[in-house]
Protein backbone atom coordinates (compact mmCIF):
# COMPACT_ATOMS: atom_id res chain seq x y z
CA MET A 1 17.84 1.93 -32.23
CA THR A 2 16.10 4.93 -30.70
CA LEU A 3 12.66 4.17 -29.34
CA PRO A 4 9.70 6.32 -30.41
CA GLU A 5 8.82 8.90 -27.74
CA VAL A 6 5.74 7.09 -26.42
CA ALA A 7 7.61 3.78 -26.06
CA ARG A 8 10.53 5.58 -24.43
CA LEU A 9 8.26 7.24 -21.86
CA ARG A 10 6.72 3.85 -21.08
CA HIS A 11 10.06 2.16 -20.51
CA PRO A 12 11.27 1.64 -16.93
CA ASP A 13 14.81 2.60 -17.95
CA THR A 14 13.50 6.09 -18.75
CA ILE A 15 11.85 6.36 -15.33
CA ARG A 16 15.14 5.40 -13.71
CA ARG A 17 17.25 7.67 -15.94
CA GLN A 18 15.08 10.75 -15.41
CA SER A 19 14.98 10.11 -11.66
CA GLU A 20 18.77 9.89 -11.54
CA ARG A 21 18.95 13.24 -13.33
CA MET A 22 16.70 14.70 -10.65
CA LEU A 23 18.94 13.28 -7.91
CA ALA A 24 21.95 14.86 -9.59
CA LEU A 25 20.23 18.25 -9.41
CA ALA A 26 19.48 17.67 -5.73
CA THR A 27 23.03 16.68 -4.79
CA GLN A 28 24.34 19.74 -6.65
CA GLY A 29 22.07 21.96 -4.57
CA ARG A 30 20.03 22.97 -7.60
CA LEU A 31 16.57 22.12 -6.22
CA GLU A 32 15.07 25.09 -4.42
CA ARG A 33 12.25 23.07 -2.82
CA TRP A 34 14.27 20.30 -1.16
CA GLU A 35 17.24 19.76 1.09
CA ILE A 36 18.91 16.36 0.89
CA ASP A 37 21.02 14.57 3.48
CA LEU A 38 22.46 11.40 1.99
CA ASP A 39 24.22 10.56 5.25
CA ARG A 40 20.82 9.64 6.73
CA LEU A 41 20.24 7.01 4.04
CA SER A 42 22.45 4.44 5.76
CA ASP A 43 20.31 4.69 8.92
CA LEU A 44 17.25 3.93 6.86
CA GLY A 45 19.06 1.03 5.22
CA ARG A 46 19.70 -0.51 8.64
CA MET A 47 16.11 0.12 9.71
CA VAL A 48 14.64 -1.50 6.60
CA GLY A 49 17.09 -4.39 6.86
CA GLU A 50 16.19 -5.04 10.51
CA LEU A 51 12.47 -4.76 9.75
CA THR A 52 12.79 -7.19 6.84
CA ARG A 53 14.62 -9.76 8.96
CA ALA A 54 12.09 -9.37 11.79
CA ARG A 55 9.17 -9.92 9.41
CA TYR A 56 10.85 -12.69 7.38
CA PRO A 57 13.57 -14.37 9.52
CA ASP A 58 14.38 -16.84 6.75
CA LEU A 59 14.56 -13.96 4.22
CA ALA A 60 12.03 -15.78 2.04
CA VAL A 61 10.42 -12.44 1.27
CA PRO A 62 7.46 -12.52 -1.13
CA MET A 63 7.25 -10.09 -4.00
CA HIS A 64 5.42 -6.84 -3.39
CA GLY A 65 1.98 -7.33 -4.88
CA ARG A 66 -1.74 -6.82 -4.38
CA ARG A 67 -2.32 -10.45 -3.53
CA LEU A 68 -0.68 -9.96 -0.11
CA HIS A 69 -3.31 -7.39 0.89
CA PHE A 70 -6.01 -10.04 0.64
CA LYS A 71 -4.48 -11.68 3.73
CA VAL A 72 -5.44 -10.04 7.03
CA GLY A 73 -4.21 -11.81 10.14
CA ASP A 74 -5.03 -15.51 9.82
CA ILE A 75 -7.64 -14.95 7.12
CA ASP A 76 -6.40 -15.30 3.54
CA LEU A 77 -9.16 -14.45 1.10
CA TRP A 78 -6.94 -15.20 -1.89
CA GLU A 79 -6.24 -18.79 -0.79
CA ALA A 80 -9.97 -19.34 -0.24
CA LEU A 81 -10.84 -18.32 -3.81
CA PRO A 82 -12.97 -20.91 -5.62
CA ARG A 83 -10.84 -21.52 -8.70
CA PRO A 84 -11.90 -23.12 -11.98
CA THR A 85 -10.18 -26.42 -12.70
CA ASP A 86 -9.02 -25.16 -16.10
CA ARG A 87 -5.65 -23.44 -15.59
CA ASP A 88 -6.23 -20.71 -18.14
CA GLU A 89 -9.68 -19.91 -16.80
CA ALA A 90 -8.29 -19.80 -13.27
CA ALA A 91 -5.63 -17.36 -14.48
CA ARG A 92 -8.26 -15.15 -16.14
CA SER A 93 -10.16 -15.03 -12.87
CA GLU A 94 -7.08 -14.14 -10.80
CA VAL A 95 -5.89 -11.51 -13.30
CA GLU A 96 -9.38 -10.04 -13.31
CA LEU A 97 -9.48 -9.61 -9.55
CA ILE A 98 -5.95 -8.18 -9.41
CA VAL A 99 -6.55 -5.62 -12.17
CA VAL A 100 -9.77 -4.28 -10.70
CA SER A 101 -8.37 -4.21 -7.17
CA VAL A 102 -5.16 -2.42 -8.17
CA LEU A 103 -7.03 0.21 -10.15
CA LEU A 104 -9.11 0.87 -7.04
CA ASP A 105 -6.02 1.08 -4.83
CA ALA A 106 -5.07 4.75 -5.09
CA GLY A 107 -4.99 6.64 -1.78
CA SER A 108 -8.24 6.30 0.19
CA GLY A 109 -7.82 9.32 2.43
CA PRO A 110 -7.33 9.16 6.21
CA ARG A 111 -10.99 8.88 7.28
CA TRP A 112 -12.26 5.95 5.21
CA ARG A 113 -12.76 2.55 6.85
CA TYR A 114 -14.18 -0.82 5.73
CA ALA A 115 -15.84 -3.37 8.02
CA ASP A 116 -15.75 -7.01 6.91
CA THR A 117 -17.96 -9.70 8.42
CA ARG A 118 -15.09 -12.22 8.76
CA ILE A 119 -12.32 -9.87 9.85
CA GLN A 120 -12.43 -8.28 13.28
CA GLY A 121 -11.99 -4.53 13.44
CA GLU A 122 -12.15 -1.94 10.68
CA LEU A 123 -9.70 -1.92 7.81
CA SER A 124 -8.27 1.20 6.22
CA ARG A 125 -6.03 2.31 3.37
CA SER A 126 -4.58 -0.39 1.08
CA GLU A 127 -5.76 -3.39 3.12
CA GLY A 128 -9.27 -1.96 3.40
CA LEU A 129 -9.40 -1.18 -0.31
CA ALA A 130 -8.15 -4.69 -1.10
CA VAL A 131 -10.79 -6.45 1.00
CA ALA A 132 -13.54 -4.09 -0.19
CA SER A 133 -12.66 -4.72 -3.84
CA PHE A 134 -12.41 -8.48 -3.20
CA ARG A 135 -15.88 -8.56 -1.63
CA ALA A 136 -17.35 -6.43 -4.43
CA TRP A 137 -15.82 -8.75 -7.06
CA GLU A 138 -17.01 -11.80 -5.11
CA ARG A 139 -20.59 -10.48 -4.95
CA GLY A 140 -20.69 -9.82 -8.68
CA VAL A 141 -20.72 -6.00 -8.46
CA PHE A 142 -18.59 -5.92 -11.62
CA SER A 143 -20.64 -8.48 -13.55
CA ASN A 144 -24.18 -8.42 -14.94
CA ARG A 145 -24.32 -12.16 -14.30
CA GLY A 146 -23.93 -11.80 -10.54
CA LEU A 147 -20.74 -13.84 -10.75
CA PRO A 148 -17.26 -13.22 -9.36
CA ARG A 149 -16.16 -11.66 -12.66
CA ALA A 150 -15.39 -8.31 -14.19
CA ASP A 151 -17.27 -8.11 -17.49
CA SER A 152 -16.86 -5.25 -19.94
CA GLU A 153 -20.58 -4.51 -20.18
CA ALA A 154 -21.12 -4.35 -16.43
CA LEU A 155 -18.05 -2.18 -15.83
CA SER A 156 -19.02 0.20 -18.63
CA GLY A 157 -22.25 1.02 -16.82
CA LEU A 158 -20.95 1.00 -13.25
CA ALA A 159 -22.52 3.81 -11.23
CA ALA A 160 -20.58 5.67 -8.57
CA ALA A 161 -23.44 4.94 -6.16
CA SER A 162 -22.95 1.19 -6.64
CA LEU A 163 -19.25 1.47 -5.94
CA ALA A 164 -19.89 3.71 -2.94
CA GLU A 165 -22.34 1.18 -1.51
CA ALA A 166 -19.89 -1.68 -2.01
CA PHE A 167 -17.14 0.31 -0.29
CA GLN A 168 -19.41 1.40 2.59
CA VAL A 169 -18.97 5.07 1.71
CA ARG A 170 -21.09 7.44 3.78
CA GLU A 171 -20.94 11.08 4.78
CA ASP A 172 -19.04 10.06 7.90
CA ASN A 173 -16.92 7.52 5.98
CA PRO A 174 -15.68 9.38 2.88
CA LEU A 175 -13.50 7.72 0.26
CA VAL A 176 -11.30 10.03 -1.79
CA GLY A 177 -12.28 10.12 -5.47
CA THR A 178 -15.24 7.71 -5.42
CA GLU A 179 -16.70 9.15 -8.63
CA ASP A 180 -13.29 9.15 -10.29
CA ARG A 181 -12.74 5.51 -9.32
CA ALA A 182 -16.09 4.55 -10.83
CA ALA A 183 -15.22 6.50 -13.99
CA LEU A 184 -11.90 4.65 -14.14
CA LEU A 185 -13.69 1.29 -14.01
CA ARG A 186 -16.16 2.43 -16.67
CA SER A 187 -13.17 3.22 -18.86
CA LEU A 188 -11.74 -0.21 -18.07
CA GLY A 189 -15.04 -1.67 -19.25
CA ARG A 190 -14.73 0.09 -22.59
CA VAL A 191 -11.08 -0.91 -22.97
CA SER A 192 -11.65 -4.55 -22.01
CA SER A 193 -14.49 -4.85 -24.52
CA ARG A 194 -11.70 -5.28 -27.10
CA TRP A 195 -10.04 -8.08 -25.13
CA PRO A 196 -10.78 -11.79 -25.57
CA GLY A 197 -14.09 -12.77 -24.00
CA ARG A 198 -15.06 -9.10 -23.52
CA ARG A 199 -13.88 -9.32 -19.93
CA VAL A 200 -10.96 -8.03 -17.90
CA GLY A 201 -9.60 -11.56 -17.64
CA GLY A 202 -8.98 -11.40 -21.39
CA LEU A 203 -5.82 -9.48 -20.50
CA TYR A 204 -4.33 -12.82 -19.51
CA ASP A 205 -4.84 -14.10 -23.05
CA LEU A 206 -3.08 -11.04 -24.48
CA LEU A 207 -0.12 -11.45 -22.15
CA SER A 208 0.02 -15.20 -22.69
CA GLY A 209 0.22 -14.58 -26.43
CA LEU A 210 3.27 -12.35 -25.91
CA SER A 211 5.19 -14.92 -23.86
CA SER A 212 7.90 -17.01 -25.46
CA ASP A 213 8.57 -20.51 -24.13
CA GLY A 214 6.63 -19.59 -21.00
CA ARG A 215 8.68 -16.45 -20.36
CA LEU A 216 7.60 -12.81 -20.44
CA SER A 217 9.88 -9.84 -19.81
CA ALA A 218 8.71 -7.39 -17.14
CA VAL A 219 9.53 -4.63 -19.62
CA THR A 220 7.10 -6.15 -22.12
CA LEU A 221 4.55 -6.66 -19.37
CA LEU A 222 4.69 -3.02 -18.30
CA GLY A 223 4.70 -1.69 -21.85
CA THR A 224 1.68 -3.82 -22.76
CA LEU A 225 -0.24 -2.68 -19.69
CA LEU A 226 0.52 0.96 -20.43
CA GLU A 227 -0.49 0.58 -24.06
CA GLN A 228 -3.71 -1.30 -23.33
CA LEU A 229 -4.74 0.92 -20.43
CA SER A 230 -3.79 4.22 -22.06
CA PRO A 231 -7.43 5.39 -22.50
CA LEU A 232 -7.91 5.21 -18.72
CA TRP A 233 -5.88 8.41 -18.21
CA PRO A 234 -7.67 11.07 -20.32
CA ASP A 235 -6.37 13.96 -18.21
CA SER A 236 -2.74 13.14 -18.92
CA PRO A 237 -0.43 14.52 -21.65
CA MET A 238 -0.81 13.03 -25.12
CA ARG A 239 1.75 11.95 -27.70
CA ASP A 240 0.99 10.36 -31.08
CA GLY A 241 -2.70 10.21 -30.18
CA GLN A 242 -2.11 8.22 -26.98
CA TYR A 243 -2.54 9.29 -23.37
CA LEU A 244 0.71 8.96 -21.44
CA GLY A 245 -0.75 8.44 -17.96
CA ASP A 246 1.47 9.08 -14.94
CA VAL A 247 3.87 11.38 -16.82
CA TRP A 248 4.38 15.01 -15.80
CA PRO A 249 6.03 18.05 -17.39
CA TYR A 250 9.07 19.31 -15.53
CA PRO A 251 10.74 22.04 -17.58
CA PRO A 252 14.33 21.58 -16.34
CA LEU A 253 14.34 17.90 -17.37
CA GLY A 254 11.42 17.50 -19.78
CA LEU A 255 8.72 14.88 -19.19
CA MET A 256 9.03 12.81 -16.01
CA PRO A 257 7.40 9.35 -16.17
CA PHE A 258 6.54 7.35 -13.02
CA HIS A 259 3.68 4.93 -13.88
CA LYS A 260 3.21 4.12 -10.21
CA LEU A 261 -0.19 2.46 -10.43
CA THR A 262 0.67 0.49 -13.58
CA GLN A 263 4.00 -0.71 -12.19
CA TRP A 264 2.12 -1.75 -9.03
CA LEU A 265 -0.17 -3.73 -11.35
CA ALA A 266 2.81 -5.27 -13.14
CA TYR A 267 4.35 -6.39 -9.83
CA SER A 268 0.96 -7.73 -8.74
CA LEU A 269 0.44 -9.81 -11.88
CA ILE A 270 3.71 -11.72 -11.52
CA GLU A 271 2.25 -14.32 -9.13
CA PRO A 272 -0.92 -15.20 -11.07
CA LEU A 273 1.06 -15.37 -14.30
CA SER A 274 3.59 -17.67 -12.62
CA THR A 275 0.79 -19.92 -11.37
CA ALA A 276 -0.41 -20.16 -14.97
CA GLY A 277 3.04 -21.25 -16.15
CA ILE A 278 4.38 -17.88 -17.35
CA THR A 279 7.64 -16.77 -15.72
CA VAL A 280 8.10 -13.00 -15.65
CA THR A 281 11.77 -12.23 -16.27
CA GLU A 282 13.84 -9.05 -15.81
CA VAL A 283 11.70 -8.04 -12.83
CA ASP A 284 14.44 -5.74 -11.53
CA ARG A 285 14.08 -3.64 -14.67
CA LEU A 286 10.96 -2.25 -12.97
CA THR A 287 11.56 0.62 -10.56
CA PRO A 288 10.71 1.50 -6.97
CA LEU A 289 7.17 2.83 -6.76
CA ALA A 290 6.95 6.63 -6.61
CA GLU A 291 4.25 6.74 -3.96
CA TYR A 292 3.67 8.23 -0.55
CA ARG A 293 4.91 5.35 1.64
CA ASN A 294 8.32 5.06 -0.04
CA GLY A 295 8.55 8.83 -0.44
CA GLY A 296 7.30 9.40 3.10
CA LEU A 297 10.03 7.09 4.41
CA LEU A 298 12.62 9.48 2.99
CA ILE A 299 10.99 12.59 4.50
CA ASP A 300 10.22 11.10 7.91
CA GLY A 301 13.65 9.46 7.90
CA GLY A 302 15.37 12.81 7.42
CA VAL A 303 16.90 12.16 3.99
CA LEU A 304 14.62 14.66 2.26
CA THR A 305 13.30 17.88 3.77
CA PRO A 306 10.84 20.15 1.94
CA VAL A 307 11.86 23.80 2.26
CA THR A 308 8.92 25.41 0.47
CA PRO A 309 7.30 27.83 2.95
CA GLY A 310 4.00 26.46 4.30
CA TRP A 311 4.48 23.05 2.69
CA GLN A 312 2.92 21.19 5.63
CA ALA A 313 -0.31 23.20 5.59
CA THR A 314 -0.79 23.09 1.82
CA SER A 315 -2.25 20.38 -0.41
CA HIS A 316 -0.05 20.10 -3.48
CA PRO A 317 -1.25 19.07 -6.98
CA VAL A 318 0.30 15.85 -8.21
CA SER A 319 1.57 17.85 -11.20
CA SER A 320 3.37 20.44 -9.03
CA SER A 321 7.13 20.71 -9.20
CA LEU A 322 7.40 19.89 -5.49
CA VAL A 323 5.58 16.57 -5.93
CA VAL A 324 7.31 15.67 -9.21
CA GLU A 325 10.70 16.29 -7.59
CA TRP A 326 9.71 14.25 -4.53
CA ARG A 327 8.57 11.28 -6.59
CA ALA A 328 11.65 11.30 -8.83
CA LEU A 329 13.95 11.50 -5.81
CA THR A 330 11.99 8.60 -4.28
CA VAL A 331 12.73 6.35 -7.27
CA ALA A 332 16.44 7.21 -7.28
CA LEU A 333 16.98 7.07 -3.52
CA VAL A 334 15.00 3.89 -2.87
CA SER A 335 17.14 2.25 -5.56
CA ARG A 336 20.21 3.16 -3.49
CA LEU A 337 18.46 2.12 -0.31
CA ALA A 338 17.80 -1.30 -1.81
CA GLU A 339 21.54 -1.84 -2.31
CA MET A 340 22.14 -0.96 1.34
CA VAL A 341 19.43 -3.37 2.48
CA ARG A 342 20.93 -6.18 0.41
CA GLY A 343 24.31 -5.49 2.01
CA GLU A 344 22.79 -5.30 5.49
CA LEU A 345 21.08 -8.68 5.03
CA GLY A 346 23.74 -10.35 2.91
CA ALA A 347 21.00 -11.44 0.53
CA GLY A 348 20.32 -10.71 -3.12
CA LEU A 349 16.73 -9.59 -2.71
CA SER A 350 14.94 -8.28 -5.77
CA MET A 351 13.50 -4.77 -5.77
CA ALA A 352 10.03 -6.29 -5.40
CA GLN A 353 11.22 -8.08 -2.25
CA VAL A 354 12.89 -4.98 -0.81
CA LEU A 355 9.67 -3.04 -1.29
CA GLU A 356 7.71 -5.75 0.49
CA GLY A 357 10.27 -6.48 3.18
CA GLY A 358 10.59 -3.52 3.29
CA THR A 359 10.51 0.11 2.49
CA TRP A 360 6.71 0.31 2.24
CA THR A 361 6.14 -0.99 5.78
CA ALA A 362 8.97 1.15 7.16
CA GLY A 363 7.36 4.20 5.59
CA ARG A 364 4.08 3.36 7.25
CA GLN A 365 5.75 2.83 10.64
CA LEU A 366 7.57 6.17 10.54
CA ALA A 367 4.36 7.91 9.46
CA ALA A 368 2.48 6.39 12.41
CA ALA A 369 5.21 7.55 14.79
CA ALA A 370 5.16 11.07 13.36
CA ARG A 371 1.41 11.67 12.93
CA PRO A 372 -1.58 10.20 14.79
CA ASP A 373 -3.40 9.21 11.58
CA ALA A 374 -0.24 7.83 9.88
CA SER A 375 -0.90 10.19 6.98
CA PRO A 376 1.83 11.03 4.46
CA PRO A 377 4.14 13.88 5.46
CA LEU A 378 3.30 15.70 2.22
CA LYS A 379 -0.34 16.32 1.30
CA VAL A 380 -1.02 15.57 -2.36
CA LEU A 381 -4.19 16.52 -4.19
CA SER A 382 -5.27 13.40 -6.07
CA ASN A 383 -8.45 12.30 -7.78
CA GLY A 384 -7.92 8.77 -6.47
CA THR A 385 -6.81 7.29 -9.80
CA ILE A 386 -3.06 7.93 -10.07
CA PHE A 387 -1.23 8.52 -6.80
């Protein structure tokens, strides 16, 4: 049976298929903006394998997810969460925190920092955004009741100034897309007003209702998230009256879906759902994340080289052909890289484990070696809500 277009564009198999088509164009020399050297991929496979074994000698690699960013050094904010004794209510609370934190996790920009009273030193990028969102949730910034919750009514009226204050944004500490992030959470407030309890944690009830015998397919999880969160992406293409989100026109191949932020959310929800007794199956149906750490790994590792004149000095729109090609090649090549890492380690790691073990950290390490601020090799114009 052929899926309707919207469902097809929300399916991870379509992301993978379209990315493989892009890789085919690259290997045939039909991409004018990129050179590709597949021989360098094996070097990256060894690097990621060695890094994974160094970080996790027993190869008990956790799944890539937001929860891990709440642990900084010896301090684990997630483990210290005061949890309700009722399992379902505890799950609502955990889902709530994860959803809000992930939606606030798009690129922060190189200058932003967050200082936490318990953690020495300033935090930046994903870890800083994680701790900042945790503290804001903990202080009741997202709830009119002053509780660690994310209520629809409070989110719907969230001012950018309140978010900026919570994230310590100042003229000398700018956060990319602060207003857009606040607008995204206001949209989440309107969307979650239709969920059980009129709170973000009501998403757990929706997902629980879709599980069968305590099992929920990752494909169903992603599709449900994309359907429920569709109104959050009003600047994206539309089909059948629904916003598509992280989907971009690319004339040679049609529409190219990535759903980076929503797949990151799907990966991140696996642990709290498991704690609540729901096993997420078919996790490897999800794809590598088409983001700047995985994609940067390929550029800094010499597999991909942009050949557009002036590419280093230019900021490129996320909708540009250069960025769409880069992200699609990232999905296809990191899939191949994962197979090499599994062979290098002699272990059947899932994609979520390879990302964590992993490609994301390797991308950050190569970026730090190549540029003082560890910024991505390709500058992407983003409003802080998608990429």
